[in-house]
Amino acid sequence: MCHKAPLEDKSHVILAYSAQMKAIVFQFTSDSNAKGALKLLKRTGGASVGTRSFFSFYFLDPKKLAGRYEPVKERLPRIGEAWVIYLDKKLPEDEQHPQ
């Protein structure tokens, strides 16, 4: 996702999960005081964030998810612009990126 989402001026991400939509929502922000904002750890070629408690809370296995879905940019009600991965739309095996 870091290759698609312009993160130059973003320092944090707010994560949300919708069981109904089977989706994880990523809202990138520069507001460190935003409710639920997690600090992005930027590295050459990408960024990471500590998400263990998020995935545990929703009973999601990050090892089964990472690199297997194509993020899409959408405008969502009550959220605004965000990146979404739909867990029922897995990439074909030959397009997946092992993590």
N, C-alpha and C. Protein backbone atom coordinates (compact mmCIF):
# COMPACT_ATOMS: atom_id res chain seq x y z
N MET A 1 0.83 -1.19 0.00
CA MET A 1 0.00 0.00 0.00
C MET A 1 0.87 1.25 0.00
N CYS A 2 2.03 1.16 0.64
CA CYS A 2 2.91 2.32 0.73
C CYS A 2 3.38 2.80 -0.64
N HIS A 3 3.37 1.92 -1.62
CA HIS A 3 3.79 2.30 -2.96
C HIS A 3 2.68 3.07 -3.69
N LYS A 4 1.45 2.90 -3.25
CA LYS A 4 0.33 3.58 -3.89
C LYS A 4 -0.09 4.84 -3.14
N ALA A 5 -0.12 4.77 -1.82
CA ALA A 5 -0.58 5.90 -1.01
C ALA A 5 0.56 6.90 -0.81
N PRO A 6 0.35 8.15 -1.17
CA PRO A 6 1.41 9.15 -0.94
C PRO A 6 1.49 9.47 0.55
N LEU A 7 2.60 9.07 1.17
CA LEU A 7 2.74 9.21 2.62
C LEU A 7 3.74 10.28 3.03
N GLU A 8 4.25 11.04 2.09
CA GLU A 8 5.29 12.02 2.39
C GLU A 8 4.90 12.95 3.53
N ASP A 9 3.68 13.44 3.52
CA ASP A 9 3.24 14.39 4.55
C ASP A 9 2.38 13.74 5.62
N LYS A 10 2.33 12.41 5.65
CA LYS A 10 1.52 11.68 6.64
C LYS A 10 2.43 11.04 7.68
N SER A 11 2.04 11.13 8.93
CA SER A 11 2.86 10.57 10.01
C SER A 11 2.13 9.48 10.79
N HIS A 12 0.81 9.37 10.59
CA HIS A 12 0.01 8.43 11.35
C HIS A 12 -1.04 7.76 10.47
N VAL A 13 -1.60 6.68 10.99
CA VAL A 13 -2.69 5.97 10.30
C VAL A 13 -3.74 5.60 11.34
N ILE A 14 -4.99 5.67 10.92
CA ILE A 14 -6.12 5.22 11.73
C ILE A 14 -6.68 4.00 11.03
N LEU A 15 -6.76 2.89 11.76
CA LEU A 15 -7.26 1.64 11.20
C LEU A 15 -8.69 1.39 11.65
N ALA A 16 -9.47 0.79 10.78
CA ALA A 16 -10.83 0.38 11.11
C ALA A 16 -11.11 -0.93 10.40
N TYR A 17 -12.02 -1.70 10.98
CA TYR A 17 -12.40 -2.97 10.38
C TYR A 17 -13.91 -3.03 10.27
N SER A 18 -14.39 -3.47 9.12
CA SER A 18 -15.82 -3.67 8.92
C SER A 18 -16.07 -5.14 8.63
N ALA A 19 -16.66 -5.84 9.60
CA ALA A 19 -16.99 -7.25 9.40
C ALA A 19 -18.06 -7.39 8.32
N GLN A 20 -19.00 -6.44 8.28
CA GLN A 20 -20.07 -6.48 7.29
C GLN A 20 -19.52 -6.38 5.87
N MET A 21 -18.56 -5.47 5.67
CA MET A 21 -17.97 -5.29 4.34
C MET A 21 -16.76 -6.18 4.11
N LYS A 22 -16.32 -6.88 5.16
CA LYS A 22 -15.11 -7.70 5.11
C LYS A 22 -13.95 -6.86 4.59
N ALA A 23 -13.69 -5.75 5.29
CA ALA A 23 -12.69 -4.80 4.82
C ALA A 23 -11.91 -4.18 5.97
N ILE A 24 -10.65 -3.88 5.68
CA ILE A 24 -9.82 -3.10 6.59
C ILE A 24 -9.61 -1.74 5.95
N VAL A 25 -9.85 -0.69 6.73
CA VAL A 25 -9.77 0.69 6.24
C VAL A 25 -8.53 1.34 6.84
N PHE A 26 -7.77 2.04 5.99
CA PHE A 26 -6.56 2.75 6.39
C PHE A 26 -6.76 4.23 6.07
N GLN A 27 -6.80 5.05 7.09
CA GLN A 27 -6.94 6.50 6.89
C GLN A 27 -5.63 7.15 7.35
N PHE A 28 -4.84 7.63 6.40
CA PHE A 28 -3.56 8.24 6.71
C PHE A 28 -3.77 9.71 7.08
N THR A 29 -3.01 10.18 8.08
CA THR A 29 -3.19 11.54 8.58
C THR A 29 -1.86 12.11 9.07
N SER A 30 -1.81 13.40 9.17
CA SER A 30 -0.65 14.06 9.79
C SER A 30 -1.01 14.54 11.19
N ASP A 31 -2.23 14.24 11.63
CA ASP A 31 -2.72 14.66 12.94
C ASP A 31 -2.39 13.59 13.99
N SER A 32 -1.35 13.84 14.77
CA SER A 32 -0.93 12.87 15.78
C SER A 32 -1.94 12.76 16.92
N ASN A 33 -2.84 13.73 17.04
CA ASN A 33 -3.84 13.72 18.11
C ASN A 33 -5.18 13.12 17.69
N ALA A 34 -5.28 12.66 16.45
CA ALA A 34 -6.52 12.06 15.97
C ALA A 34 -6.82 10.79 16.77
N LYS A 35 -8.09 10.59 17.10
CA LYS A 35 -8.49 9.43 17.88
C LYS A 35 -8.09 8.14 17.17
N GLY A 36 -7.33 7.30 17.85
CA GLY A 36 -6.90 6.01 17.30
C GLY A 36 -5.70 6.07 16.39
N ALA A 37 -5.08 7.24 16.25
CA ALA A 37 -3.94 7.38 15.33
C ALA A 37 -2.73 6.59 15.82
N LEU A 38 -2.15 5.81 14.92
CA LEU A 38 -0.95 5.04 15.19
C LEU A 38 0.21 5.63 14.41
N LYS A 39 1.37 5.73 15.03
CA LYS A 39 2.56 6.32 14.40
C LYS A 39 3.09 5.43 13.28
N LEU A 40 3.30 6.03 12.12
CA LEU A 40 3.92 5.33 10.99
C LEU A 40 5.43 5.33 11.18
N LEU A 41 6.05 4.19 11.03
CA LEU A 41 7.50 4.09 11.08
C LEU A 41 7.99 4.00 9.64
N LYS A 42 8.47 5.12 9.14
CA LYS A 42 8.86 5.17 7.73
C LYS A 42 10.26 4.62 7.53
N ARG A 43 10.39 3.90 6.43
CA ARG A 43 11.67 3.31 6.02
C ARG A 43 11.83 3.53 4.53
N THR A 44 13.01 3.30 4.03
CA THR A 44 13.22 3.39 2.60
C THR A 44 12.32 2.37 1.91
N GLY A 45 11.48 2.84 1.00
CA GLY A 45 10.62 1.96 0.24
C GLY A 45 9.33 1.58 0.94
N GLY A 46 9.00 2.21 2.06
CA GLY A 46 7.74 1.85 2.70
C GLY A 46 7.60 2.39 4.11
N ALA A 47 6.66 1.81 4.83
CA ALA A 47 6.39 2.21 6.21
C ALA A 47 5.74 1.04 6.91
N SER A 48 5.80 1.06 8.23
CA SER A 48 5.12 0.02 9.01
C SER A 48 4.49 0.67 10.24
N VAL A 49 3.65 -0.10 10.90
CA VAL A 49 2.95 0.39 12.08
C VAL A 49 2.66 -0.82 12.98
N GLY A 50 2.69 -0.60 14.29
CA GLY A 50 2.38 -1.67 15.23
C GLY A 50 0.88 -1.95 15.25
N THR A 51 0.48 -3.14 14.81
CA THR A 51 -0.94 -3.45 14.67
C THR A 51 -1.37 -4.72 15.40
N ARG A 52 -0.51 -5.26 16.23
CA ARG A 52 -0.80 -6.53 16.89
C ARG A 52 -2.15 -6.51 17.62
N SER A 53 -2.41 -5.48 18.41
CA SER A 53 -3.66 -5.44 19.17
C SER A 53 -4.88 -5.29 18.24
N PHE A 54 -4.74 -4.52 17.15
CA PHE A 54 -5.83 -4.36 16.19
C PHE A 54 -6.21 -5.72 15.60
N PHE A 55 -5.22 -6.45 15.09
CA PHE A 55 -5.50 -7.74 14.47
C PHE A 55 -6.01 -8.76 15.49
N SER A 56 -5.46 -8.75 16.69
CA SER A 56 -5.94 -9.66 17.74
C SER A 56 -7.38 -9.38 18.11
N PHE A 57 -7.73 -8.11 18.24
CA PHE A 57 -9.08 -7.73 18.62
C PHE A 57 -10.12 -8.25 17.63
N TYR A 58 -9.78 -8.21 16.34
CA TYR A 58 -10.72 -8.64 15.30
C TYR A 58 -10.48 -10.09 14.83
N PHE A 59 -9.60 -10.81 15.54
CA PHE A 59 -9.30 -12.20 15.22
C PHE A 59 -8.83 -12.36 13.77
N LEU A 60 -7.97 -11.45 13.35
CA LEU A 60 -7.39 -11.49 12.00
C LEU A 60 -5.94 -11.94 12.11
N ASP A 61 -5.50 -12.75 11.18
CA ASP A 61 -4.11 -13.22 11.16
C ASP A 61 -3.33 -12.41 10.13
N PRO A 62 -2.47 -11.49 10.60
CA PRO A 62 -1.74 -10.63 9.65
C PRO A 62 -0.85 -11.41 8.68
N LYS A 63 -0.36 -12.57 9.08
CA LYS A 63 0.48 -13.37 8.19
C LYS A 63 -0.31 -13.90 7.00
N LYS A 64 -1.61 -14.08 7.18
CA LYS A 64 -2.47 -14.56 6.09
C LYS A 64 -2.99 -13.42 5.22
N LEU A 65 -2.78 -12.19 5.67
CA LEU A 65 -3.33 -11.03 4.96
C LEU A 65 -2.28 -10.22 4.20
N ALA A 66 -1.12 -10.04 4.79
CA ALA A 66 -0.10 -9.14 4.23
C ALA A 66 0.28 -9.53 2.81
N GLY A 67 0.22 -8.55 1.91
CA GLY A 67 0.66 -8.73 0.53
C GLY A 67 -0.28 -9.52 -0.35
N ARG A 68 -1.48 -9.80 0.12
CA ARG A 68 -2.39 -10.65 -0.64
C ARG A 68 -3.62 -9.92 -1.19
N TYR A 69 -3.69 -8.62 -0.95
CA TYR A 69 -4.86 -7.84 -1.36
C TYR A 69 -4.42 -6.55 -2.02
N GLU A 70 -5.22 -6.09 -2.97
CA GLU A 70 -4.94 -4.83 -3.66
C GLU A 70 -5.69 -3.70 -2.95
N PRO A 71 -4.97 -2.73 -2.39
CA PRO A 71 -5.66 -1.61 -1.75
C PRO A 71 -6.32 -0.70 -2.79
N VAL A 72 -7.50 -0.20 -2.45
CA VAL A 72 -8.20 0.73 -3.34
C VAL A 72 -8.52 2.01 -2.55
N LYS A 73 -8.42 3.12 -3.23
CA LYS A 73 -8.72 4.41 -2.61
C LYS A 73 -10.19 4.71 -2.82
N GLU A 74 -10.88 5.05 -1.73
CA GLU A 74 -12.32 5.30 -1.81
C GLU A 74 -12.70 6.48 -0.92
N ARG A 75 -13.84 7.05 -1.19
CA ARG A 75 -14.43 8.06 -0.32
C ARG A 75 -15.54 7.36 0.45
N LEU A 76 -15.39 7.30 1.77
CA LEU A 76 -16.31 6.58 2.63
C LEU A 76 -17.15 7.53 3.47
N PRO A 77 -18.42 7.17 3.69
CA PRO A 77 -19.27 8.02 4.54
C PRO A 77 -18.67 8.12 5.96
N ARG A 78 -18.77 9.28 6.56
CA ARG A 78 -18.28 9.57 7.91
C ARG A 78 -16.77 9.50 8.07
N ILE A 79 -16.05 9.03 7.06
CA ILE A 79 -14.59 8.93 7.15
C ILE A 79 -13.92 9.87 6.16
N GLY A 80 -14.42 9.88 4.96
CA GLY A 80 -13.78 10.65 3.89
C GLY A 80 -12.88 9.74 3.08
N GLU A 81 -11.81 10.31 2.55
CA GLU A 81 -10.91 9.56 1.70
C GLU A 81 -10.07 8.59 2.53
N ALA A 82 -10.01 7.34 2.07
CA ALA A 82 -9.27 6.31 2.79
C ALA A 82 -8.87 5.20 1.82
N TRP A 83 -7.94 4.37 2.26
CA TRP A 83 -7.54 3.19 1.49
C TRP A 83 -8.21 1.98 2.12
N VAL A 84 -8.68 1.07 1.28
CA VAL A 84 -9.43 -0.08 1.77
C VAL A 84 -8.89 -1.36 1.12
N ILE A 85 -8.79 -2.42 1.93
CA ILE A 85 -8.56 -3.74 1.35
C ILE A 85 -9.78 -4.59 1.70
N TYR A 86 -10.35 -5.20 0.69
CA TYR A 86 -11.51 -6.06 0.85
C TYR A 86 -11.03 -7.50 0.98
N LEU A 87 -11.31 -8.12 2.11
CA LEU A 87 -10.78 -9.44 2.42
C LEU A 87 -11.42 -10.55 1.60
N ASP A 88 -12.46 -10.25 0.86
CA ASP A 88 -13.05 -11.25 -0.03
C ASP A 88 -12.57 -11.06 -1.48
N LYS A 89 -11.56 -10.22 -1.66
CA LYS A 89 -11.01 -9.96 -3.01
C LYS A 89 -9.51 -10.17 -3.00
N LYS A 90 -9.11 -11.39 -2.79
CA LYS A 90 -7.69 -11.75 -2.72
C LYS A 90 -7.07 -11.69 -4.12
N LEU A 91 -5.82 -11.24 -4.17
CA LEU A 91 -5.08 -11.24 -5.44
C LEU A 91 -4.81 -12.67 -5.89
N PRO A 92 -4.71 -12.89 -7.20
CA PRO A 92 -4.31 -14.22 -7.68
C PRO A 92 -2.92 -14.57 -7.12
N GLU A 93 -2.67 -15.85 -6.93
CA GLU A 93 -1.40 -16.32 -6.33
C GLU A 93 -0.17 -15.69 -6.98
N ASP A 94 -0.16 -15.58 -8.31
CA ASP A 94 1.02 -15.07 -9.01
C ASP A 94 1.23 -13.56 -8.82
N GLU A 95 0.26 -12.85 -8.27
CA GLU A 95 0.39 -11.41 -8.03
C GLU A 95 0.63 -11.08 -6.55
N GLN A 96 0.61 -12.07 -5.69
CA GLN A 96 0.77 -11.83 -4.27
C GLN A 96 2.23 -11.56 -3.94
N HIS A 97 2.43 -10.74 -2.90
CA HIS A 97 3.77 -10.39 -2.45
C HIS A 97 4.01 -11.04 -1.10
N PRO A 98 4.90 -12.03 -1.02
CA PRO A 98 5.15 -12.69 0.26
C PRO A 98 5.72 -11.71 1.27
N GLN A 99 5.30 -11.82 2.51
CA GLN A 99 5.77 -10.91 3.57
C GLN A 99 6.68 -11.65 4.51
